[in-house]
C-alpha atoms as a PDB file:
ATOM      1  CA  UNK A   1     -38.462  37.227 -94.122  1.00  0.00           C
ATOM      2  CA  UNK A   2     -34.898  37.543 -95.302  1.00  0.00           C
ATOM      3  CA  UNK A   3     -33.576  40.652 -97.046  1.00  0.00           C
ATOM      4  CA  UNK A   4     -33.468  38.652-100.279  1.00  0.00           C
ATOM      5  CA  UNK A   5     -37.140  37.663 -99.886  1.00  0.00           C
ATOM      6  CA  UNK A   6     -38.078  41.274 -99.122  1.00  0.00           C
ATOM      7  CA  UNK A   7     -36.355  42.573-102.261  1.00  0.00           C
ATOM      8  CA  UNK A   8     -37.864  39.779-104.329  1.00  0.00           C
ATOM      9  CA  UNK A   9     -41.380  40.628-103.121  1.00  0.00           C
ATOM     10  CA  UNK A  10     -40.882  44.346-103.799  1.00  0.00           C
ATOM     11  CA  UNK A  11     -39.696  43.544-107.331  1.00  0.00           C
ATOM     12  CA  UNK A  12     -42.699  41.301-107.959  1.00  0.00           C
ATOM     13  CA  UNK A  13     -45.100  43.930-106.588  1.00  0.00           C
ATOM     14  CA  UNK A  14     -43.751  46.492-109.043  1.00  0.00           C
ATOM     15  CA  UNK A  15     -43.621  43.893-111.849  1.00  0.00           C
ATOM     16  CA  UNK A  16     -39.850  44.101-112.105  1.00  0.00           C
ATOM     17  CA  UNK A  17     -37.553  41.285-113.119  1.00  0.00           C
ATOM     18  CA  UNK A  18     -35.835  39.351-110.370  1.00  0.00           C
ATOM     19  CA  UNK A  19     -33.261  37.934-112.794  1.00  0.00           C
ATOM     20  CA  UNK A  20     -30.476  40.178-111.474  1.00  0.00           C
ATOM     21  CA  UNK A  21     -31.060  39.384-107.810  1.00  0.00           C
ATOM     22  CA  UNK A  22     -28.320  37.311-106.236  1.00  0.00           C
ATOM     23  CA  UNK A  23     -28.343  35.646-102.861  1.00  0.00           C
ATOM     24  CA  UNK A  24     -25.166  36.312-100.913  1.00  0.00           C
ATOM     25  CA  UNK A  25     -23.817  35.238 -97.584  1.00  0.00           C
ATOM     26  CA  UNK A  26     -23.858  37.874 -94.855  1.00  0.00           C
ATOM     27  CA  UNK A  27     -20.202  37.061 -94.236  1.00  0.00           C
ATOM     28  CA  UNK A  28     -19.364  38.809 -97.521  1.00  0.00           C
ATOM     29  CA  UNK A  29     -20.779  42.092 -96.184  1.00  0.00           C
ATOM     30  CA  UNK A  30     -18.001  42.553 -93.599  1.00  0.00           C
ATOM     31  CA  UNK A  31     -20.436  43.711 -90.906  1.00  0.00           C
ATOM     32  CA  UNK A  32     -19.008  44.303 -87.444  1.00  0.00           C
ATOM     33  CA  UNK A  33     -21.894  42.554 -85.685  1.00  0.00           C
ATOM     34  CA  UNK A  34     -23.332  39.140 -86.488  1.00  0.00           C
ATOM     35  CA  UNK A  35     -26.861  39.561 -87.810  1.00  0.00           C
ATOM     36  CA  UNK A  36     -29.607  36.933 -87.832  1.00  0.00           C
ATOM     37  CA  UNK A  37     -30.713  35.845 -91.321  1.00  0.00           C
ATOM     38  CA  UNK A  38     -34.350  36.522 -90.442  1.00  0.00           C
ATOM     39  CA  UNK A  39     -35.814  38.967 -87.955  1.00  0.00           C
ATOM     40  CA  UNK A  40     -39.287  39.840 -86.775  1.00  0.00           C
ATOM     41  CA  UNK A  41     -41.348  41.330 -84.009  1.00  0.00           C
ATOM     42  CA  UNK A  42     -43.762  39.879 -81.482  1.00  0.00           C
ATOM     43  CA  UNK A  43     -46.838  42.076 -81.891  1.00  0.00           C
ATOM     44  CA  UNK A  44     -49.110  40.529 -79.244  1.00  0.00           C
ATOM     45  CA  UNK A  45     -48.965  43.515 -76.883  1.00  0.00           C
ATOM     46  CA  UNK A  46     -49.608  46.125 -79.580  1.00  0.00           C
ATOM     47  CA  UNK A  47     -52.475  44.055 -80.980  1.00  0.00           C
ATOM     48  CA  UNK A  48     -54.097  43.336 -77.602  1.00  0.00           C
ATOM     49  CA  UNK A  49     -53.506  46.643 -75.821  1.00  0.00           C
ATOM     50  CA  UNK A  50     -53.495  49.154 -78.658  1.00  0.00           C
ATOM     51  CA  UNK A  51     -55.829  47.459 -81.110  1.00  0.00           C
ATOM     52  CA  UNK A  52     -53.122  47.438 -83.771  1.00  0.00           C
ATOM     53  CA  UNK A  53     -54.122  45.519 -86.884  1.00  0.00           C
ATOM     54  CA  UNK A  54     -51.021  44.439 -88.783  1.00  0.00           C
ATOM     55  CA  UNK A  55     -51.018  44.238 -92.570  1.00  0.00           C
ATOM     56  CA  UNK A  56     -49.245  41.812 -94.842  1.00  0.00           C
ATOM     57  CA  UNK A  57     -46.106  43.037 -96.568  1.00  0.00           C
ATOM     58  CA  UNK A  58     -47.962  43.234 -99.885  1.00  0.00           C
ATOM     59  CA  UNK A  59     -50.793  45.232 -98.267  1.00  0.00           C
ATOM     60  CA  UNK A  60     -48.212  47.710 -96.975  1.00  0.00           C
ATOM     61  CA  UNK A  61     -46.734  48.108-100.445  1.00  0.00           C
ATOM     62  CA  UNK A  62     -50.213  48.805-101.833  1.00  0.00           C
ATOM     63  CA  UNK A  63     -50.867  51.350 -99.050  1.00  0.00           C
ATOM     64  CA  UNK A  64     -47.595  53.098 -99.854  1.00  0.00           C
ATOM     65  CA  UNK A  65     -48.591  53.226-103.528  1.00  0.00           C
ATOM     66  CA  UNK A  66     -51.855  54.934-102.572  1.00  0.00           C
ATOM     67  CA  UNK A  67     -50.080  57.444-100.321  1.00  0.00           C
ATOM     68  CA  UNK A  68     -47.587  58.319-103.057  1.00  0.00           C
ATOM     69  CA  UNK A  69     -50.450  59.019-105.489  1.00  0.00           C
ATOM     70  CA  UNK A  70     -51.970  61.598-103.125  1.00  0.00           C
END
């Protein structure tokens, strides 16, 4: 998921407009290191050895909402 997609999904979750979101090139950010447009993790070991059960991004947003309410 790109940063743009992440922000878009957060906005949609909270029923906010995405009209003001603009895609930009990472080259305009003047970062010292080259960054990949999409990143992720291989979770096989944590799932198999630790019994970790990953959640979707939207499920995590809902869990955070519940924790904030407490």
